[in-house]
Amino acid sequence: MSAGTVQGLLARFPKARLLVVGDLILDEFVWGQVSRISPEAPVPIVWVQRESVMPGGASNVANNVRALGGQVAVVGAVGQDRWGDALLDELAVRGIDTSGVIRDARPTTVKTRVIAHHQQVVRVDREQPDPLQATAGRRLRQAVLDRLPSVDAVIIEDYGKGVITAELLSAIIPAARRLKKLITVDPKEEHVELYRGVTSLTPNRQEAGRMVGRDLKRDEDLSWAGSEILRRLQCDAVLITLGEGGMWLFEQGGRQTRIPTVAQEVFDVAGAGDTVIATYTLALASGAPMAHAARLANHAAGIVVGKLGVAVTTPQELQAAIDGKPRSSARRASRHAGSSRRG
């Protein structure tokens, strides 16, 4: 994939229209320093210096699409609480369409990470992952169906927090197929049979293994699993992400593409999977072949794991990565988890 090919592809990103459906999460970061251990328990005392918030889960996928220049709307649910207000504010600031987000009686899912000296000390989760109530579920399904005709691709992002249900998938996947929309899925194994006929799935090694009921420790296991998922679900492609092992793309017809990692330094892997499916789908919606889209997603993931916190990348960074231009350590460290709120 030449630099010129990438440049032409990136230039088409702003014309692509994507819909992200899934579990919306607010990622909260508490940044501080540790100078001593608590006298009450053998734990560090973190002196808080600042706080920040960032869209997480499906909203981070949408944020990645928007950062790369694509047009994007998100459908999901947030609580009627200050965390829901904060997440919607963050999405609006970034130019992400939130008109399909419903306010639910359940609390907003929040992940709070305490970070000191560039290391995560602890993570605190606030969530109620029960499925949405029937009325809220119907409203959410209708929000997706209303938006399908006006988009080029749909990303289904299942974090297991109760938004993606069998009822939702049974309604929106056939509708998207009838409209000939691209459909990509970050899957959960309990819904695997409902993904039949989607364009592509992007499981990691563990998720792919659970989908086929086998530990994927060797290359032979991975090769079999990718082909088996294709056979079972009759999708066009499966992109298995392998962390430091890169990616492995399986396409109908037997074509396989092994893509080595390009990450040089790994500061934080949080959100890397979101970057992969966002970049991959945006590239497909912009006309890229599967292998080109996967390679571009691999470069995007290599960029974000070199940043601290849940991060995104830009077209300029992607072009520089393809061109082989290094990023300075200072610039990399400064691009962390988004808008800062002093506390």
Protein backbone atom coordinates (compact mmCIF):
# COMPACT_ATOMS: atom_id res chain seq x y z
CA MET A 1 0.00 0.00 0.00
CA SER A 2 1.79 3.10 -1.26
CA ALA A 3 1.81 6.51 0.37
CA GLY A 4 -0.12 7.86 -2.63
CA THR A 5 -2.81 5.22 -2.24
CA VAL A 6 -3.16 6.11 1.43
CA GLN A 7 -3.34 9.82 0.67
CA GLY A 8 -6.17 9.25 -1.81
CA LEU A 9 -8.02 7.06 0.64
CA LEU A 10 -7.69 9.54 3.51
CA ALA A 11 -9.00 12.28 1.22
CA ARG A 12 -12.23 10.31 0.81
CA PHE A 13 -12.80 9.86 4.55
CA PRO A 14 -14.81 13.10 5.01
CA LYS A 15 -17.44 11.85 2.55
CA ALA A 16 -18.10 8.59 4.41
CA ARG A 17 -21.12 8.43 6.74
CA LEU A 18 -21.03 5.90 9.56
CA LEU A 19 -23.48 4.83 12.26
CA VAL A 20 -22.09 3.37 15.50
CA VAL A 21 -24.49 1.30 17.60
CA GLY A 22 -23.58 -0.04 21.02
CA ASP A 23 -22.69 0.46 24.65
CA LEU A 24 -21.78 4.06 25.47
CA ILE A 25 -19.19 4.51 28.23
CA LEU A 26 -17.66 7.55 29.85
CA ASP A 27 -13.95 7.11 30.51
CA GLU A 28 -12.83 9.26 33.43
CA PHE A 29 -9.16 9.84 34.23
CA VAL A 30 -7.72 11.03 37.52
CA TRP A 31 -4.12 12.13 37.02
CA GLY A 32 -1.75 12.55 39.95
CA GLN A 33 1.48 11.71 41.70
CA VAL A 34 2.44 9.22 44.40
CA SER A 35 4.87 10.23 47.12
CA ARG A 36 4.10 7.76 49.90
CA ILE A 37 2.16 4.66 50.97
CA SER A 38 -1.00 5.02 53.04
CA PRO A 39 -0.61 4.32 56.78
CA GLU A 40 -4.10 2.78 56.68
CA ALA A 41 -3.35 0.04 54.13
CA PRO A 42 -0.48 -0.99 51.82
CA VAL A 43 -1.72 1.18 48.95
CA PRO A 44 -0.29 4.33 47.34
CA ILE A 45 -1.69 7.75 48.15
CA VAL A 46 -2.36 9.60 44.90
CA TRP A 47 -2.16 13.38 45.02
CA VAL A 48 -4.69 14.45 42.38
CA GLN A 49 -3.45 17.15 40.02
CA ARG A 50 -6.13 17.10 37.32
CA GLU A 51 -9.06 15.16 35.94
CA SER A 52 -10.29 14.52 32.43
CA VAL A 53 -13.05 12.64 30.64
CA MET A 54 -13.19 10.94 27.26
CA PRO A 55 -15.85 9.09 25.26
CA GLY A 56 -15.46 5.33 25.80
CA GLY A 57 -16.93 2.12 24.44
CA ALA A 58 -19.05 2.67 21.35
CA SER A 59 -18.69 6.42 21.80
CA ASN A 60 -14.91 6.01 21.54
CA VAL A 61 -15.40 4.21 18.23
CA ALA A 62 -17.45 7.19 17.03
CA ASN A 63 -14.77 9.54 18.35
CA ASN A 64 -12.13 7.66 16.36
CA VAL A 65 -14.21 7.92 13.18
CA ARG A 66 -14.68 11.64 13.70
CA ALA A 67 -10.99 12.25 14.48
CA LEU A 68 -10.14 10.61 11.15
CA GLY A 69 -12.52 12.99 9.35
CA GLY A 70 -15.54 10.76 8.85
CA GLN A 71 -19.14 11.78 9.45
CA VAL A 72 -20.62 9.77 12.30
CA ALA A 73 -23.76 9.33 14.37
CA VAL A 74 -24.05 7.20 17.48
CA VAL A 75 -27.03 5.26 18.87
CA GLY A 76 -26.99 3.97 22.43
CA ALA A 77 -28.17 4.78 25.93
CA VAL A 78 -26.93 6.94 28.79
CA GLY A 79 -28.38 7.56 32.22
CA GLN A 80 -30.30 10.58 33.41
CA ASP A 81 -27.31 11.68 35.45
CA ARG A 82 -24.34 14.04 35.38
CA TRP A 83 -22.19 11.36 33.74
CA GLY A 84 -24.65 11.09 30.86
CA ASP A 85 -24.63 14.89 30.52
CA ALA A 86 -20.82 14.88 30.46
CA LEU A 87 -20.64 12.18 27.79
CA LEU A 88 -23.17 13.88 25.53
CA ASP A 89 -21.29 17.17 25.95
CA GLU A 90 -18.00 15.51 24.97
CA LEU A 91 -19.56 13.97 21.88
CA ALA A 92 -21.23 17.23 20.83
CA VAL A 93 -17.95 19.14 21.13
CA ARG A 94 -16.39 16.64 18.73
CA GLY A 95 -19.13 17.04 16.13
CA ILE A 96 -20.70 13.60 16.66
CA ASP A 97 -24.45 13.28 16.05
CA THR A 98 -26.09 12.15 19.31
CA SER A 99 -29.74 12.57 18.28
CA GLY A 100 -30.16 8.78 18.45
CA VAL A 101 -28.94 8.49 22.05
CA ILE A 102 -31.73 7.72 24.53
CA ARG A 103 -31.75 8.67 28.21
CA ASP A 104 -32.50 5.62 30.33
CA ALA A 105 -33.32 4.95 33.97
CA ARG A 106 -30.11 2.93 34.26
CA PRO A 107 -27.00 4.87 35.30
CA THR A 108 -24.39 5.81 32.73
CA THR A 109 -21.54 3.32 32.54
CA VAL A 110 -18.37 5.00 33.86
CA LYS A 111 -14.82 3.66 34.03
CA THR A 112 -12.54 5.71 36.26
CA ARG A 113 -8.80 5.19 35.87
CA VAL A 114 -6.39 6.61 38.43
CA ILE A 115 -3.03 7.26 36.79
CA ALA A 116 0.17 8.28 38.54
CA HIS A 117 3.60 8.69 36.95
CA HIS A 118 2.26 7.42 33.61
CA GLN A 119 1.01 4.16 35.15
CA GLN A 120 -2.54 3.05 35.95
CA VAL A 121 -2.90 2.55 39.71
CA VAL A 122 -6.49 1.30 39.81
CA ARG A 123 -9.68 1.27 37.74
CA VAL A 124 -13.13 1.79 39.26
CA ASP A 125 -16.20 0.73 37.25
CA ARG A 126 -19.74 2.03 37.75
CA GLU A 127 -22.28 0.12 35.69
CA GLN A 128 -25.59 -1.71 35.62
CA PRO A 129 -25.27 -4.08 32.63
CA ASP A 130 -28.84 -5.39 32.59
CA PRO A 131 -30.60 -5.30 29.19
CA LEU A 132 -32.60 -2.17 28.48
CA GLN A 133 -36.26 -2.20 29.45
CA ALA A 134 -38.65 -3.10 26.62
CA THR A 135 -39.75 0.47 25.90
CA ALA A 136 -36.18 1.77 25.80
CA GLY A 137 -35.15 -1.16 23.61
CA ARG A 138 -37.89 -0.38 21.09
CA ARG A 139 -36.88 3.29 20.98
CA LEU A 140 -33.27 2.32 20.39
CA ARG A 141 -34.13 -0.12 17.58
CA GLN A 142 -36.24 2.52 15.87
CA ALA A 143 -33.43 5.08 16.18
CA VAL A 144 -31.13 2.70 14.28
CA LEU A 145 -33.71 1.83 11.61
CA ASP A 146 -34.49 5.51 11.02
CA ARG A 147 -30.81 6.28 10.35
CA LEU A 148 -29.82 3.28 8.22
CA PRO A 149 -30.90 4.73 4.84
CA SER A 150 -28.64 7.77 5.22
CA VAL A 151 -25.36 6.04 6.14
CA ASP A 152 -22.75 4.02 4.25
CA ALA A 153 -21.80 1.63 7.05
CA VAL A 154 -22.90 0.42 10.48
CA ILE A 155 -20.53 -0.52 13.30
CA ILE A 156 -22.00 -2.75 16.02
CA GLU A 157 -19.94 -2.37 19.18
CA ASP A 158 -20.88 -4.88 21.87
CA TYR A 159 -19.27 -4.31 25.27
CA GLY A 160 -21.76 -6.53 27.06
CA LYS A 161 -23.44 -3.65 28.94
CA GLY A 162 -27.00 -4.47 27.89
CA VAL A 163 -27.54 -2.36 24.77
CA ILE A 164 -26.76 -5.01 22.14
CA THR A 165 -29.42 -7.69 22.48
CA ALA A 166 -30.74 -10.51 20.33
CA GLU A 167 -33.86 -8.45 19.61
CA LEU A 168 -31.80 -5.49 18.42
CA LEU A 169 -29.49 -7.58 16.21
CA SER A 170 -32.42 -9.53 14.72
CA ALA A 171 -33.97 -6.24 13.64
CA ILE A 172 -31.06 -4.14 12.42
CA ILE A 173 -28.76 -6.64 10.65
CA PRO A 174 -31.40 -7.86 8.16
CA ALA A 175 -32.50 -4.25 7.61
CA ALA A 176 -28.94 -3.12 6.91
CA ARG A 177 -28.41 -6.04 4.53
CA ARG A 178 -31.57 -5.19 2.60
CA LEU A 179 -30.24 -1.67 2.17
CA LYS A 180 -26.82 -3.08 1.11
CA LYS A 181 -24.97 -1.30 3.91
CA LEU A 182 -21.57 -2.36 5.16
CA ILE A 183 -21.88 -3.97 8.61
CA THR A 184 -18.88 -4.50 10.88
CA VAL A 185 -19.05 -6.04 14.33
CA ASP A 186 -16.85 -6.04 17.42
CA PRO A 187 -18.40 -9.29 18.65
CA LYS A 188 -19.46 -11.01 21.84
CA GLU A 189 -19.64 -14.79 21.62
CA GLU A 190 -23.16 -15.08 23.09
CA HIS A 191 -24.55 -13.37 19.99
CA VAL A 192 -22.32 -15.11 17.47
CA GLU A 193 -25.07 -16.81 15.44
CA LEU A 194 -26.89 -13.51 15.02
CA TYR A 195 -23.91 -12.01 13.17
CA ARG A 196 -24.58 -14.20 10.15
CA GLY A 197 -24.23 -12.29 6.89
CA VAL A 198 -22.48 -9.18 8.20
CA THR A 199 -19.63 -7.71 6.17
CA SER A 200 -16.84 -8.30 8.69
CA LEU A 201 -16.04 -9.04 12.32
CA THR A 202 -13.01 -7.84 14.31
CA PRO A 203 -12.54 -10.23 17.27
CA ASN A 204 -9.33 -10.41 19.25
CA ARG A 205 -7.62 -13.77 19.81
CA GLN A 206 -9.63 -14.60 22.95
CA GLU A 207 -12.97 -13.61 21.43
CA ALA A 208 -12.28 -15.62 18.27
CA GLY A 209 -11.36 -18.61 20.42
CA ARG A 210 -14.59 -18.40 22.38
CA MET A 211 -16.55 -18.11 19.14
CA VAL A 212 -15.22 -21.48 17.99
CA GLY A 213 -14.81 -23.09 21.42
CA ARG A 214 -11.04 -23.55 21.28
CA ASP A 215 -7.90 -21.91 22.68
CA LEU A 216 -6.00 -20.32 19.80
CA LYS A 217 -2.42 -20.71 20.95
CA ARG A 218 -0.77 -21.69 17.66
CA ASP A 219 -0.87 -20.27 14.15
CA GLU A 220 -2.59 -23.45 12.97
CA ASP A 221 -5.37 -22.84 15.49
CA LEU A 222 -5.80 -19.23 14.35
CA SER A 223 -5.85 -20.20 10.69
CA TRP A 224 -8.53 -22.81 11.35
CA ALA A 225 -10.59 -20.44 13.52
CA GLY A 226 -10.63 -17.62 10.96
CA SER A 227 -11.76 -19.98 8.22
CA GLU A 228 -14.33 -21.60 10.51
CA ILE A 229 -15.90 -18.27 11.51
CA LEU A 230 -16.15 -17.34 7.82
CA ARG A 231 -17.84 -20.64 7.06
CA ARG A 232 -20.29 -20.49 9.96
CA LEU A 233 -21.34 -16.87 9.59
CA GLN A 234 -21.01 -16.42 5.82
CA CYS A 235 -19.49 -12.98 6.29
CA ASP A 236 -17.12 -11.42 3.77
CA ALA A 237 -14.14 -11.22 6.12
CA VAL A 238 -12.84 -11.78 9.65
CA LEU A 239 -10.04 -9.60 11.01
CA ILE A 240 -8.51 -11.18 14.13
CA THR A 241 -6.42 -8.75 16.17
CA LEU A 242 -3.41 -10.28 17.92
CA GLY A 243 -1.89 -7.50 20.02
CA GLU A 244 1.86 -7.55 19.58
CA GLY A 245 1.32 -10.24 16.93
CA GLY A 246 -0.41 -7.78 14.60
CA MET A 247 -3.52 -8.92 12.73
CA TRP A 248 -4.72 -11.76 10.55
CA LEU A 249 -7.30 -11.09 7.83
CA PHE A 250 -9.43 -13.92 6.44
CA GLU A 251 -11.58 -13.34 3.35
CA GLN A 252 -14.08 -15.48 1.49
CA GLY A 253 -12.42 -17.45 -1.27
CA GLY A 254 -9.53 -18.54 0.94
CA ARG A 255 -7.41 -15.41 0.85
CA GLN A 256 -5.47 -14.72 4.06
CA THR A 257 -3.32 -11.70 4.90
CA ARG A 258 -0.97 -11.73 7.88
CA ILE A 259 -0.15 -8.18 9.03
CA PRO A 260 2.72 -7.69 11.52
CA THR A 261 2.44 -5.05 14.21
CA VAL A 262 3.90 -1.62 13.54
CA ALA A 263 3.79 -0.41 17.17
CA GLN A 264 7.26 0.67 18.35
CA GLU A 265 6.42 1.71 21.91
CA VAL A 266 3.35 0.65 23.89
CA PHE A 267 2.18 3.12 26.54
CA ASP A 268 -1.47 2.03 26.83
CA VAL A 269 -3.55 -0.54 24.92
CA ALA A 270 -6.89 0.84 26.21
CA GLY A 271 -9.22 1.55 23.29
CA ALA A 272 -6.95 0.08 20.61
CA GLY A 273 -9.70 -2.28 19.44
CA ASP A 274 -12.04 0.70 19.04
CA THR A 275 -9.45 2.38 16.80
CA VAL A 276 -9.12 -0.77 14.72
CA ILE A 277 -12.80 -1.18 13.90
CA ALA A 278 -13.30 2.57 13.36
CA THR A 279 -10.39 2.87 10.91
CA TYR A 280 -11.14 -0.43 9.19
CA THR A 281 -14.81 0.41 8.62
CA LEU A 282 -14.13 3.99 7.56
CA ALA A 283 -11.61 2.75 5.02
CA LEU A 284 -14.06 0.14 3.67
CA ALA A 285 -16.79 2.78 3.41
CA SER A 286 -14.32 4.95 1.48
CA GLY A 287 -13.74 2.22 -1.11
CA ALA A 288 -10.63 0.46 0.19
CA PRO A 289 -10.12 -3.26 -0.42
CA MET A 290 -10.24 -5.40 2.72
CA ALA A 291 -6.47 -5.87 2.93
CA HIS A 292 -5.78 -2.13 2.53
CA ALA A 293 -8.38 -1.30 5.18
CA ALA A 294 -6.83 -3.82 7.58
CA ARG A 295 -3.30 -2.49 7.04
CA LEU A 296 -4.49 1.06 7.65
CA ALA A 297 -6.24 -0.06 10.85
CA ASN A 298 -3.02 -1.75 11.95
CA HIS A 299 -1.10 1.51 11.55
CA ALA A 300 -3.81 3.41 13.43
CA ALA A 301 -3.64 0.94 16.32
CA GLY A 302 0.14 1.26 16.37
CA ILE A 303 -0.23 5.00 16.83
CA VAL A 304 -2.80 4.96 19.65
CA VAL A 305 -1.01 2.38 21.79
CA GLY A 306 1.92 4.79 21.80
CA LYS A 307 -0.21 7.36 23.62
CA LEU A 308 -1.20 7.40 27.26
CA GLY A 309 -4.89 6.92 27.98
CA VAL A 310 -7.78 6.16 25.62
CA ALA A 311 -6.62 7.95 22.47
CA VAL A 312 -7.45 8.61 18.83
CA THR A 313 -5.39 9.26 15.74
CA THR A 314 -5.68 11.71 12.86
CA PRO A 315 -5.27 11.51 9.07
CA GLN A 316 -2.03 13.46 9.38
CA GLU A 317 -0.59 10.97 11.88
CA LEU A 318 -1.67 8.05 9.72
CA GLN A 319 -0.06 9.53 6.63
CA ALA A 320 3.14 10.19 8.57
CA ALA A 321 3.14 6.60 9.87
CA ILE A 322 2.77 5.21 6.35
CA ASP A 323 5.54 7.54 5.17
CA GLY A 324 7.77 6.25 7.98
CA LYS A 325 8.13 9.63 9.71
CA PRO A 326 8.80 9.31 13.48
CA ARG A 327 6.73 11.16 16.04
CA SER A 328 8.56 12.91 18.86
CA SER A 329 8.22 11.46 22.35
CA ALA A 330 7.07 14.80 23.68
CA ARG A 331 4.25 15.03 21.19
CA ARG A 332 3.21 11.44 21.84
CA ALA A 333 3.11 11.89 25.61
CA SER A 334 1.11 15.10 25.35
CA ARG A 335 -1.73 13.54 23.36
CA HIS A 336 -3.54 11.64 26.07
CA ALA A 337 -7.13 11.37 27.19
CA GLY A 338 -8.77 14.48 25.80
CA SER A 339 -10.21 17.60 27.38
CA SER A 340 -8.83 18.39 30.82
CA ARG A 341 -10.89 19.44 33.81
CA ARG A 342 -8.92 20.92 36.64
CA GLY A 343 -9.83 19.62 40.08
